[in-house]
Amino acid sequence: MRASGWIMRIPGTLLLAAAALKTWGLGVDPVGQMGLFSTPEVQMAVILFEVFLGLWLWSGMNPIGSWLAALATFTGFFGISLYLGLIGQTSYGCFGRVQTSP
């Protein structure tokens, strides 16, 4: 496998780990109920999307498309984290029960 294939597996692994940790922490409300991002429906949609994108990155199919999707996803995550940090949310639950700072 080319080096670029291994490089694409790093964000894929991160997305799959985040989805697993979010799934593990679903019943505990890792985030204070604040707006749209903390609803169970949105959290479930994010988990499913992270699994889909993580597996896509791992598969190596359509590498340019998966790279662009990953870039857009991580940019979106950055924007959401920045927004929640600015309004005072201490953690936005991107890794489930594991507390991280935005």
PDB file of N, CA and C in Angstrom:
ATOM      1  N   MET A   1       0.847  -1.179   0.000  1.00  0.00           N
ATOM      2  CA  MET A   1       0.000   0.000   0.000  1.00  0.00           C
ATOM      3  C   MET A   1       0.890   1.239   0.000  1.00  0.00           C
ATOM      4  N   ARG A   2       0.471   2.222  -0.766  1.00  0.00           N
ATOM      5  CA  ARG A   2       1.228   3.471  -0.835  1.00  0.00           C
ATOM      6  C   ARG A   2       1.160   4.205   0.506  1.00  0.00           C
ATOM      7  N   ALA A   3       2.104   5.128   0.697  1.00  0.00           N
ATOM      8  CA  ALA A   3       2.151   5.903   1.942  1.00  0.00           C
ATOM      9  C   ALA A   3       0.894   6.724   2.125  1.00  0.00           C
ATOM     10  N   SER A   4       0.319   7.242   1.021  1.00  0.00           N
ATOM     11  CA  SER A   4      -0.889   8.056   1.155  1.00  0.00           C
ATOM     12  C   SER A   4      -2.057   7.234   1.684  1.00  0.00           C
ATOM     13  N   GLY A   5      -2.075   5.937   1.388  1.00  0.00           N
ATOM     14  CA  GLY A   5      -3.128   5.068   1.923  1.00  0.00           C
ATOM     15  C   GLY A   5      -3.051   4.961   3.433  1.00  0.00           C
ATOM     16  N   TRP A   6      -1.837   4.863   3.953  1.00  0.00           N
ATOM     17  CA  TRP A   6      -1.665   4.798   5.403  1.00  0.00           C
ATOM     18  C   TRP A   6      -1.994   6.131   6.060  1.00  0.00           C
ATOM     19  N   ILE A   7      -1.670   7.220   5.379  1.00  0.00           N
ATOM     20  CA  ILE A   7      -1.971   8.540   5.930  1.00  0.00           C
ATOM     21  C   ILE A   7      -3.472   8.744   6.042  1.00  0.00           C
ATOM     22  N   MET A   8      -4.240   8.250   5.085  1.00  0.00           N
ATOM     23  CA  MET A   8      -5.696   8.394   5.124  1.00  0.00           C
ATOM     24  C   MET A   8      -6.322   7.543   6.237  1.00  0.00           C
ATOM     25  N   ARG A   9      -5.609   6.523   6.676  1.00  0.00           N
ATOM     26  CA  ARG A   9      -6.156   5.674   7.745  1.00  0.00           C
ATOM     27  C   ARG A   9      -6.083   6.343   9.108  1.00  0.00           C
ATOM     28  N   ILE A  10      -5.218   7.336   9.266  1.00  0.00           N
ATOM     29  CA  ILE A  10      -5.111   8.022  10.561  1.00  0.00           C
ATOM     30  C   ILE A  10      -6.410   8.763  10.900  1.00  0.00           C
ATOM     31  N   PRO A  11      -6.924   9.651  10.024  1.00  0.00           N
ATOM     32  CA  PRO A  11      -8.207  10.281  10.365  1.00  0.00           C
ATOM     33  C   PRO A  11      -9.358   9.280  10.381  1.00  0.00           C
ATOM     34  N   GLY A  12      -9.254   8.216   9.570  1.00  0.00           N
ATOM     35  CA  GLY A  12     -10.289   7.182   9.600  1.00  0.00           C
ATOM     36  C   GLY A  12     -10.352   6.497  10.958  1.00  0.00           C
ATOM     37  N   THR A  13      -9.182   6.198  11.511  1.00  0.00           N
ATOM     38  CA  THR A  13      -9.114   5.583  12.839  1.00  0.00           C
ATOM     39  C   THR A  13      -9.637   6.542  13.905  1.00  0.00           C
ATOM     40  N   LEU A  14      -9.284   7.817  13.786  1.00  0.00           N
ATOM     41  CA  LEU A  14      -9.769   8.820  14.740  1.00  0.00           C
ATOM     42  C   LEU A  14     -11.299   8.917  14.705  1.00  0.00           C
ATOM     43  N   LEU A  15     -11.871   8.926  13.505  1.00  0.00           N
ATOM     44  CA  LEU A  15     -13.328   8.994  13.383  1.00  0.00           C
ATOM     45  C   LEU A  15     -14.000   7.752  13.964  1.00  0.00           C
ATOM     46  N   LEU A  16     -13.447   6.579  13.687  1.00  0.00           N
ATOM     47  CA  LEU A  16     -14.032   5.347  14.228  1.00  0.00           C
ATOM     48  C   LEU A  16     -13.922   5.299  15.751  1.00  0.00           C
ATOM     49  N   ALA A  17     -12.794   5.773  16.282  1.00  0.00           N
ATOM     50  CA  ALA A  17     -12.632   5.812  17.743  1.00  0.00           C
ATOM     51  C   ALA A  17     -13.616   6.793  18.367  1.00  0.00           C
ATOM     52  N   ALA A  18     -13.782   7.958  17.747  1.00  0.00           N
ATOM     53  CA  ALA A  18     -14.730   8.945  18.273  1.00  0.00           C
ATOM     54  C   ALA A  18     -16.156   8.400  18.236  1.00  0.00           C
ATOM     55  N   ALA A  19     -16.508   7.703  17.162  1.00  0.00           N
ATOM     56  CA  ALA A  19     -17.851   7.121  17.062  1.00  0.00           C
ATOM     57  C   ALA A  19     -18.057   6.053  18.139  1.00  0.00           C
ATOM     58  N   ALA A  20     -17.040   5.226  18.371  1.00  0.00           N
ATOM     59  CA  ALA A  20     -17.146   4.188  19.406  1.00  0.00           C
ATOM     60  C   ALA A  20     -17.288   4.810  20.787  1.00  0.00           C
ATOM     61  N   LEU A  21     -16.500   5.847  21.075  1.00  0.00           N
ATOM     62  CA  LEU A  21     -16.586   6.496  22.387  1.00  0.00           C
ATOM     63  C   LEU A  21     -17.917   7.228  22.567  1.00  0.00           C
ATOM     64  N   LYS A  22     -18.420   7.827  21.493  1.00  0.00           N
ATOM     65  CA  LYS A  22     -19.738   8.478  21.582  1.00  0.00           C
ATOM     66  C   LYS A  22     -20.825   7.451  21.843  1.00  0.00           C
ATOM     67  N   THR A  23     -20.747   6.315  21.169  1.00  0.00           N
ATOM     68  CA  THR A  23     -21.735   5.255  21.362  1.00  0.00           C
ATOM     69  C   THR A  23     -21.677   4.738  22.790  1.00  0.00           C
ATOM     70  N   TRP A  24     -20.478   4.570  23.327  1.00  0.00           N
ATOM     71  CA  TRP A  24     -20.284   4.100  24.691  1.00  0.00           C
ATOM     72  C   TRP A  24     -20.885   5.085  25.690  1.00  0.00           C
ATOM     73  N   GLY A  25     -20.815   6.379  25.404  1.00  0.00           N
ATOM     74  CA  GLY A  25     -21.297   7.388  26.333  1.00  0.00           C
ATOM     75  C   GLY A  25     -22.682   7.927  26.033  1.00  0.00           C
ATOM     76  N   LEU A  26     -23.440   7.288  25.142  1.00  0.00           N
ATOM     77  CA  LEU A  26     -24.755   7.819  24.774  1.00  0.00           C
ATOM     78  C   LEU A  26     -25.709   7.974  25.951  1.00  0.00           C
ATOM     79  N   GLY A  27     -25.721   7.038  26.862  1.00  0.00           N
ATOM     80  CA  GLY A  27     -26.684   7.082  27.948  1.00  0.00           C
ATOM     81  C   GLY A  27     -26.333   7.997  29.098  1.00  0.00           C
ATOM     82  N   VAL A  28     -25.166   8.622  29.066  1.00  0.00           N
ATOM     83  CA  VAL A  28     -24.733   9.406  30.208  1.00  0.00           C
ATOM     84  C   VAL A  28     -24.802  10.902  30.017  1.00  0.00           C
ATOM     85  N   ASP A  29     -25.209  11.373  28.860  1.00  0.00           N
ATOM     86  CA  ASP A  29     -25.242  12.810  28.577  1.00  0.00           C
ATOM     87  C   ASP A  29     -23.891  13.457  28.845  1.00  0.00           C
ATOM     88  N   PRO A  30     -22.889  13.204  28.004  1.00  0.00           N
ATOM     89  CA  PRO A  30     -21.576  13.792  28.234  1.00  0.00           C
ATOM     90  C   PRO A  30     -21.573  15.303  28.080  1.00  0.00           C
ATOM     91  N   VAL A  31     -22.595  15.836  27.456  1.00  0.00           N
ATOM     92  CA  VAL A  31     -22.674  17.272  27.219  1.00  0.00           C
ATOM     93  C   VAL A  31     -23.939  17.785  27.886  1.00  0.00           C
ATOM     94  N   GLY A  32     -23.862  18.960  28.481  1.00  0.00           N
ATOM     95  CA  GLY A  32     -25.064  19.571  28.999  1.00  0.00           C
ATOM     96  C   GLY A  32     -26.020  19.831  27.850  1.00  0.00           C
ATOM     97  N   GLN A  33     -27.298  19.591  28.063  1.00  0.00           N
ATOM     98  CA  GLN A  33     -28.277  19.780  26.996  1.00  0.00           C
ATOM     99  C   GLN A  33     -28.324  21.236  26.596  1.00  0.00           C
ATOM    100  N   MET A  34     -27.693  21.530  25.449  1.00  0.00           N
ATOM    101  CA  MET A  34     -27.562  22.892  24.992  1.00  0.00           C
ATOM    102  C   MET A  34     -27.745  22.943  23.488  1.00  0.00           C
ATOM    103  N   GLY A  35     -28.925  23.244  23.042  1.00  0.00           N
ATOM    104  CA  GLY A  35     -29.139  23.441  21.624  1.00  0.00           C
ATOM    105  C   GLY A  35     -29.233  22.172  20.804  1.00  0.00           C
ATOM    106  N   LEU A  36     -29.160  22.368  19.513  1.00  0.00           N
ATOM    107  CA  LEU A  36     -29.366  21.311  18.529  1.00  0.00           C
ATOM    108  C   LEU A  36     -28.297  20.226  18.590  1.00  0.00           C
ATOM    109  N   PHE A  37     -27.052  20.576  18.859  1.00  0.00           N
ATOM    110  CA  PHE A  37     -25.954  19.621  18.780  1.00  0.00           C
ATOM    111  C   PHE A  37     -26.004  18.542  19.850  1.00  0.00           C
ATOM    112  N   SER A  38     -26.762  18.742  20.901  1.00  0.00           N
ATOM    113  CA  SER A  38     -26.791  17.761  21.979  1.00  0.00           C
ATOM    114  C   SER A  38     -28.028  16.869  21.948  1.00  0.00           C
ATOM    115  N   THR A  39     -28.882  17.021  20.947  1.00  0.00           N
ATOM    116  CA  THR A  39     -30.062  16.164  20.872  1.00  0.00           C
ATOM    117  C   THR A  39     -29.648  14.746  20.479  1.00  0.00           C
ATOM    118  N   PRO A  40     -30.367  13.749  20.965  1.00  0.00           N
ATOM    119  CA  PRO A  40     -30.008  12.360  20.637  1.00  0.00           C
ATOM    120  C   PRO A  40     -30.037  12.075  19.136  1.00  0.00           C
ATOM    121  N   GLU A  41     -30.951  12.691  18.421  1.00  0.00           N
ATOM    122  CA  GLU A  41     -31.045  12.454  16.980  1.00  0.00           C
ATOM    123  C   GLU A  41     -29.791  12.944  16.258  1.00  0.00           C
ATOM    124  N   VAL A  42     -29.338  14.137  16.607  1.00  0.00           N
ATOM    125  CA  VAL A  42     -28.135  14.691  15.972  1.00  0.00           C
ATOM    126  C   VAL A  42     -26.916  13.878  16.377  1.00  0.00           C
ATOM    127  N   GLN A  43     -26.818  13.500  17.641  1.00  0.00           N
ATOM    128  CA  GLN A  43     -25.690  12.684  18.090  1.00  0.00           C
ATOM    129  C   GLN A  43     -25.644  11.352  17.342  1.00  0.00           C
ATOM    130  N   MET A  44     -26.803  10.718  17.138  1.00  0.00           N
ATOM    131  CA  MET A  44     -26.850   9.443  16.416  1.00  0.00           C
ATOM    132  C   MET A  44     -26.456   9.634  14.960  1.00  0.00           C
ATOM    133  N   ALA A  45     -26.920  10.723  14.351  1.00  0.00           N
ATOM    134  CA  ALA A  45     -26.553  11.011  12.956  1.00  0.00           C
ATOM    135  C   ALA A  45     -25.054  11.237  12.828  1.00  0.00           C
ATOM    136  N   VAL A  46     -24.460  11.928  13.786  1.00  0.00           N
ATOM    137  CA  VAL A  46     -23.017  12.175  13.760  1.00  0.00           C
ATOM    138  C   VAL A  46     -22.255  10.861  13.914  1.00  0.00           C
ATOM    139  N   ILE A  47     -22.705  10.001  14.813  1.00  0.00           N
ATOM    140  CA  ILE A  47     -22.053   8.703  15.006  1.00  0.00           C
ATOM    141  C   ILE A  47     -22.084   7.890  13.714  1.00  0.00           C
ATOM    142  N   LEU A  48     -23.255   7.820  13.084  1.00  0.00           N
ATOM    143  CA  LEU A  48     -23.370   7.058  11.840  1.00  0.00           C
ATOM    144  C   LEU A  48     -22.498   7.651  10.736  1.00  0.00           C
ATOM    145  N   PHE A  49     -22.459   8.981  10.646  1.00  0.00           N
ATOM    146  CA  PHE A  49     -21.625   9.619   9.639  1.00  0.00           C
ATOM    147  C   PHE A  49     -20.149   9.370   9.903  1.00  0.00           C
ATOM    148  N   GLU A  50     -19.733   9.418  11.164  1.00  0.00           N
ATOM    149  CA  GLU A  50     -18.332   9.161  11.503  1.00  0.00           C
ATOM    150  C   GLU A  50     -17.941   7.731  11.148  1.00  0.00           C
ATOM    151  N   VAL A  51     -18.824   6.775  11.409  1.00  0.00           N
ATOM    152  CA  VAL A  51     -18.542   5.386  11.054  1.00  0.00           C
ATOM    153  C   VAL A  51     -18.427   5.254   9.537  1.00  0.00           C
ATOM    154  N   PHE A  52     -19.382   5.843   8.804  1.00  0.00           N
ATOM    155  CA  PHE A  52     -19.351   5.791   7.347  1.00  0.00           C
ATOM    156  C   PHE A  52     -18.055   6.392   6.802  1.00  0.00           C
ATOM    157  N   LEU A  53     -17.718   7.592   7.238  1.00  0.00           N
ATOM    158  CA  LEU A  53     -16.530   8.267   6.728  1.00  0.00           C
ATOM    159  C   LEU A  53     -15.251   7.547   7.158  1.00  0.00           C
ATOM    160  N   GLY A  54     -15.212   7.057   8.390  1.00  0.00           N
ATOM    161  CA  GLY A  54     -14.042   6.311   8.851  1.00  0.00           C
ATOM    162  C   GLY A  54     -13.801   5.053   8.033  1.00  0.00           C
ATOM    163  N   LEU A  55     -14.870   4.319   7.736  1.00  0.00           N
ATOM    164  CA  LEU A  55     -14.735   3.115   6.912  1.00  0.00           C
ATOM    165  C   LEU A  55     -14.367   3.470   5.474  1.00  0.00           C
ATOM    166  N   TRP A  56     -14.910   4.567   4.973  1.00  0.00           N
ATOM    167  CA  TRP A  56     -14.573   5.018   3.620  1.00  0.00           C
ATOM    168  C   TRP A  56     -13.087   5.358   3.532  1.00  0.00           C
ATOM    169  N   LEU A  57     -12.584   6.070   4.526  1.00  0.00           N
ATOM    170  CA  LEU A  57     -11.155   6.406   4.538  1.00  0.00           C
ATOM    171  C   LEU A  57     -10.295   5.147   4.627  1.00  0.00           C
ATOM    172  N   TRP A  58     -10.723   4.186   5.428  1.00  0.00           N
ATOM    173  CA  TRP A  58      -9.974   2.942   5.567  1.00  0.00           C
ATOM    174  C   TRP A  58     -10.012   2.108   4.298  1.00  0.00           C
ATOM    175  N   SER A  59     -11.118   2.181   3.552  1.00  0.00           N
ATOM    176  CA  SER A  59     -11.256   1.340   2.359  1.00  0.00           C
ATOM    177  C   SER A  59     -10.323   1.774   1.232  1.00  0.00           C
ATOM    178  N   GLY A  60      -9.997   3.055   1.179  1.00  0.00           N
ATOM    179  CA  GLY A  60      -9.140   3.553   0.109  1.00  0.00           C
ATOM    180  C   GLY A  60      -9.869   3.808  -1.194  1.00  0.00           C
ATOM    181  N   MET A  61     -11.181   3.623  -1.214  1.00  0.00           N
ATOM    182  CA  MET A  61     -11.955   3.872  -2.427  1.00  0.00           C
ATOM    183  C   MET A  61     -12.162   5.370  -2.607  1.00  0.00           C
ATOM    184  N   ASN A  62     -11.991   5.832  -3.845  1.00  0.00           N
ATOM    185  CA  ASN A  62     -12.147   7.247  -4.192  1.00  0.00           C
ATOM    186  C   ASN A  62     -11.396   8.139  -3.197  1.00  0.00           C
ATOM    187  N   PRO A  63     -10.072   8.058  -3.182  1.00  0.00           N
ATOM    188  CA  PRO A  63      -9.292   8.770  -2.178  1.00  0.00           C
ATOM    189  C   PRO A  63      -9.467  10.288  -2.201  1.00  0.00           C
ATOM    190  N   ILE A  64      -9.652  10.868  -3.366  1.00  0.00           N
ATOM    191  CA  ILE A  64      -9.831  12.323  -3.418  1.00  0.00           C
ATOM    192  C   ILE A  64     -11.168  12.715  -2.799  1.00  0.00           C
ATOM    193  N   GLY A  65     -12.219  11.974  -3.113  1.00  0.00           N
ATOM    194  CA  GLY A  65     -13.530  12.257  -2.531  1.00  0.00           C
ATOM    195  C   GLY A  65     -13.546  12.071  -1.026  1.00  0.00           C
ATOM    196  N   SER A  66     -12.909  10.993  -0.550  1.00  0.00           N
ATOM    197  CA  SER A  66     -12.887  10.760   0.902  1.00  0.00           C
ATOM    198  C   SER A  66     -12.046  11.817   1.602  1.00  0.00           C
ATOM    199  N   TRP A  67     -10.957  12.247   0.951  1.00  0.00           N
ATOM    200  CA  TRP A  67     -10.119  13.303   1.537  1.00  0.00           C
ATOM    201  C   TRP A  67     -10.893  14.607   1.642  1.00  0.00           C
ATOM    202  N   LEU A  68     -11.632  14.958   0.592  1.00  0.00           N
ATOM    203  CA  LEU A  68     -12.432  16.188   0.630  1.00  0.00           C
ATOM    204  C   LEU A  68     -13.538  16.104   1.681  1.00  0.00           C
ATOM    205  N   ALA A  69     -14.177  14.937   1.773  1.00  0.00           N
ATOM    206  CA  ALA A  69     -15.229  14.758   2.787  1.00  0.00           C
ATOM    207  C   ALA A  69     -14.641  14.861   4.194  1.00  0.00           C
ATOM    208  N   ALA A  70     -13.465  14.268   4.404  1.00  0.00           N
ATOM    209  CA  ALA A  70     -12.817  14.346   5.717  1.00  0.00           C
ATOM    210  C   ALA A  70     -12.415  15.778   6.033  1.00  0.00           C
ATOM    211  N   LEU A  71     -11.900  16.496   5.048  1.00  0.00           N
ATOM    212  CA  LEU A  71     -11.523  17.890   5.250  1.00  0.00           C
ATOM    213  C   LEU A  71     -12.735  18.733   5.634  1.00  0.00           C
ATOM    214  N   ALA A  72     -13.846  18.545   4.934  1.00  0.00           N
ATOM    215  CA  ALA A  72     -15.072  19.276   5.252  1.00  0.00           C
ATOM    216  C   ALA A  72     -15.594  18.893   6.642  1.00  0.00           C
ATOM    217  N   THR A  73     -15.511  17.605   6.977  1.00  0.00           N
ATOM    218  CA  THR A  73     -15.987  17.140   8.279  1.00  0.00           C
ATOM    219  C   THR A  73     -15.172  17.732   9.415  1.00  0.00           C
ATOM    220  N   PHE A  74     -13.854  17.667   9.323  1.00  0.00           N
ATOM    221  CA  PHE A  74     -13.022  18.197  10.397  1.00  0.00           C
ATOM    222  C   PHE A  74     -13.113  19.721  10.478  1.00  0.00           C
ATOM    223  N   THR A  75     -13.323  20.382   9.357  1.00  0.00           N
ATOM    224  CA  THR A  75     -13.558  21.831   9.386  1.00  0.00           C
ATOM    225  C   THR A  75     -14.872  22.137  10.098  1.00  0.00           C
ATOM    226  N   GLY A  76     -15.901  21.346   9.815  1.00  0.00           N
ATOM    227  CA  GLY A  76     -17.176  21.506  10.515  1.00  0.00           C
ATOM    228  C   GLY A  76     -17.045  21.251  12.009  1.00  0.00           C
ATOM    229  N   PHE A  77     -16.318  20.193  12.372  1.00  0.00           N
ATOM    230  CA  PHE A  77     -16.103  19.898  13.792  1.00  0.00           C
ATOM    231  C   PHE A  77     -15.363  21.049  14.481  1.00  0.00           C
ATOM    232  N   PHE A  78     -14.391  21.628  13.783  1.00  0.00           N
ATOM    233  CA  PHE A  78     -13.667  22.769  14.332  1.00  0.00           C
ATOM    234  C   PHE A  78     -14.613  23.940  14.567  1.00  0.00           C
ATOM    235  N   GLY A  79     -15.475  24.224  13.595  1.00  0.00           N
ATOM    236  CA  GLY A  79     -16.421  25.332  13.722  1.00  0.00           C
ATOM    237  C   GLY A  79     -17.397  25.132  14.874  1.00  0.00           C
ATOM    238  N   ILE A  80     -17.904  23.913  15.011  1.00  0.00           N
ATOM    239  CA  ILE A  80     -18.837  23.607  16.104  1.00  0.00           C
ATOM    240  C   ILE A  80     -18.134  23.718  17.444  1.00  0.00           C
ATOM    241  N   SER A  81     -16.919  23.179  17.523  1.00  0.00           N
ATOM    242  CA  SER A  81     -16.154  23.256  18.764  1.00  0.00           C
ATOM    243  C   SER A  81     -15.851  24.706  19.132  1.00  0.00           C
ATOM    244  N   LEU A  82     -15.486  25.517  18.146  1.00  0.00           N
ATOM    245  CA  LEU A  82     -15.225  26.931  18.380  1.00  0.00           C
ATOM    246  C   LEU A  82     -16.481  27.638  18.879  1.00  0.00           C
ATOM    247  N   TYR A  83     -17.607  27.388  18.233  1.00  0.00           N
ATOM    248  CA  TYR A  83     -18.872  27.996  18.638  1.00  0.00           C
ATOM    249  C   TYR A  83     -19.229  27.613  20.070  1.00  0.00           C
ATOM    250  N   LEU A  84     -19.157  26.318  20.386  1.00  0.00           N
ATOM    251  CA  LEU A  84     -19.515  25.877  21.732  1.00  0.00           C
ATOM    252  C   LEU A  84     -18.531  26.409  22.774  1.00  0.00           C
ATOM    253  N   GLY A  85     -17.273  26.535  22.404  1.00  0.00           N
ATOM    254  CA  GLY A  85     -16.304  27.130  23.321  1.00  0.00           C
ATOM    255  C   GLY A  85     -16.601  28.595  23.585  1.00  0.00           C
ATOM    256  N   LEU A  86     -17.009  29.305  22.539  1.00  0.00           N
ATOM    257  CA  LEU A  86     -17.322  30.727  22.699  1.00  0.00           C
ATOM    258  C   LEU A  86     -18.561  30.966  23.556  1.00  0.00           C
ATOM    259  N   ILE A  87     -19.524  30.037  23.525  1.00  0.00           N
ATOM    260  CA  ILE A  87     -20.718  30.226  24.353  1.00  0.00           C
ATOM    261  C   ILE A  87     -20.552  29.640  25.753  1.00  0.00           C
ATOM    262  N   GLY A  88     -19.368  29.066  26.034  1.00  0.00           N
ATOM    263  CA  GLY A  88     -19.083  28.626  27.399  1.00  0.00           C
ATOM    264  C   GLY A  88     -19.253  27.150  27.676  1.00  0.00           C
ATOM    265  N   GLN A  89     -19.501  26.345  26.661  1.00  0.00           N
ATOM    266  CA  GLN A  89     -19.622  24.898  26.867  1.00  0.00           C
ATOM    267  C   GLN A  89     -18.226  24.353  27.148  1.00  0.00           C
ATOM    268  N   THR A  90     -18.058  23.603  28.239  1.00  0.00           N
ATOM    269  CA  THR A  90     -16.732  23.127  28.616  1.00  0.00           C
ATOM    270  C   THR A  90     -16.245  21.978  27.749  1.00  0.00           C
ATOM    271  N   SER A  91     -17.144  21.153  27.241  1.00  0.00           N
ATOM    272  CA  SER A  91     -16.787  20.054  26.358  1.00  0.00           C
ATOM    273  C   SER A  91     -17.974  19.769  25.468  1.00  0.00           C
ATOM    274  N   TYR A  92     -17.712  19.424  24.227  1.00  0.00           N
ATOM    275  CA  TYR A  92     -18.865  19.180  23.376  1.00  0.00           C
ATOM    276  C   TYR A  92     -19.098  17.709  23.126  1.00  0.00           C
ATOM    277  N   GLY A  93     -18.426  16.849  23.849  1.00  0.00           N
ATOM    278  CA  GLY A  93     -18.733  15.428  23.822  1.00  0.00           C
ATOM    279  C   GLY A  93     -18.260  14.704  22.584  1.00  0.00           C
ATOM    280  N   CYS A  94     -17.217  15.210  21.931  1.00  0.00           N
ATOM    281  CA  CYS A  94     -16.768  14.584  20.692  1.00  0.00           C
ATOM    282  C   CYS A  94     -16.185  13.196  20.925  1.00  0.00           C
ATOM    283  N   PHE A  95     -15.799  12.897  22.154  1.00  0.00           N
ATOM    284  CA  PHE A  95     -15.290  11.570  22.476  1.00  0.00           C
ATOM    285  C   PHE A  95     -16.118  10.907  23.565  1.00  0.00           C
ATOM    286  N   GLY A  96     -17.422  11.196  23.595  1.00  0.00           N
ATOM    287  CA  GLY A  96     -18.321  10.541  24.542  1.00  0.00           C
ATOM    288  C   GLY A  96     -18.031  10.942  25.972  1.00  0.00           C
ATOM    289  N   ARG A  97     -17.797   9.944  26.824  1.00  0.00           N
ATOM    290  CA  ARG A  97     -17.559  10.183  28.247  1.00  0.00           C
ATOM    291  C   ARG A  97     -16.218  10.856  28.516  1.00  0.00           C
ATOM    292  N   VAL A  98     -15.283  10.709  27.610  1.00  0.00           N
ATOM    293  CA  VAL A  98     -13.950  11.290  27.801  1.00  0.00           C
ATOM    294  C   VAL A  98     -14.054  12.800  27.699  1.00  0.00           C
ATOM    295  N   GLN A  99     -13.673  13.502  28.751  1.00  0.00           N
ATOM    296  CA  GLN A  99     -13.775  14.960  28.771  1.00  0.00           C
ATOM    297  C   GLN A  99     -12.590  15.584  28.070  1.00  0.00           C
ATOM    298  N   THR A 100     -12.874  16.428  27.084  1.00  0.00           N
ATOM    299  CA  THR A 100     -11.829  17.181  26.396  1.00  0.00           C
ATOM    300  C   THR A 100     -12.239  18.640  26.383  1.00  0.00           C
ATOM    301  N   SER A 101     -11.283  19.472  26.224  1.00  0.00           N
ATOM    302  CA  SER A 101     -11.554  20.910  26.171  1.00  0.00           C
ATOM    303  C   SER A 101     -11.607  21.351  24.712  1.00  0.00           C
ATOM    304  N   PRO A 102     -12.567  22.223  24.353  1.00  0.00           N
ATOM    305  CA  PRO A 102     -12.604  22.677  22.957  1.00  0.00           C
ATOM    306  C   PRO A 102     -11.402  23.480  22.683  1.00  0.00           C
TER     307      PRO A 102
END
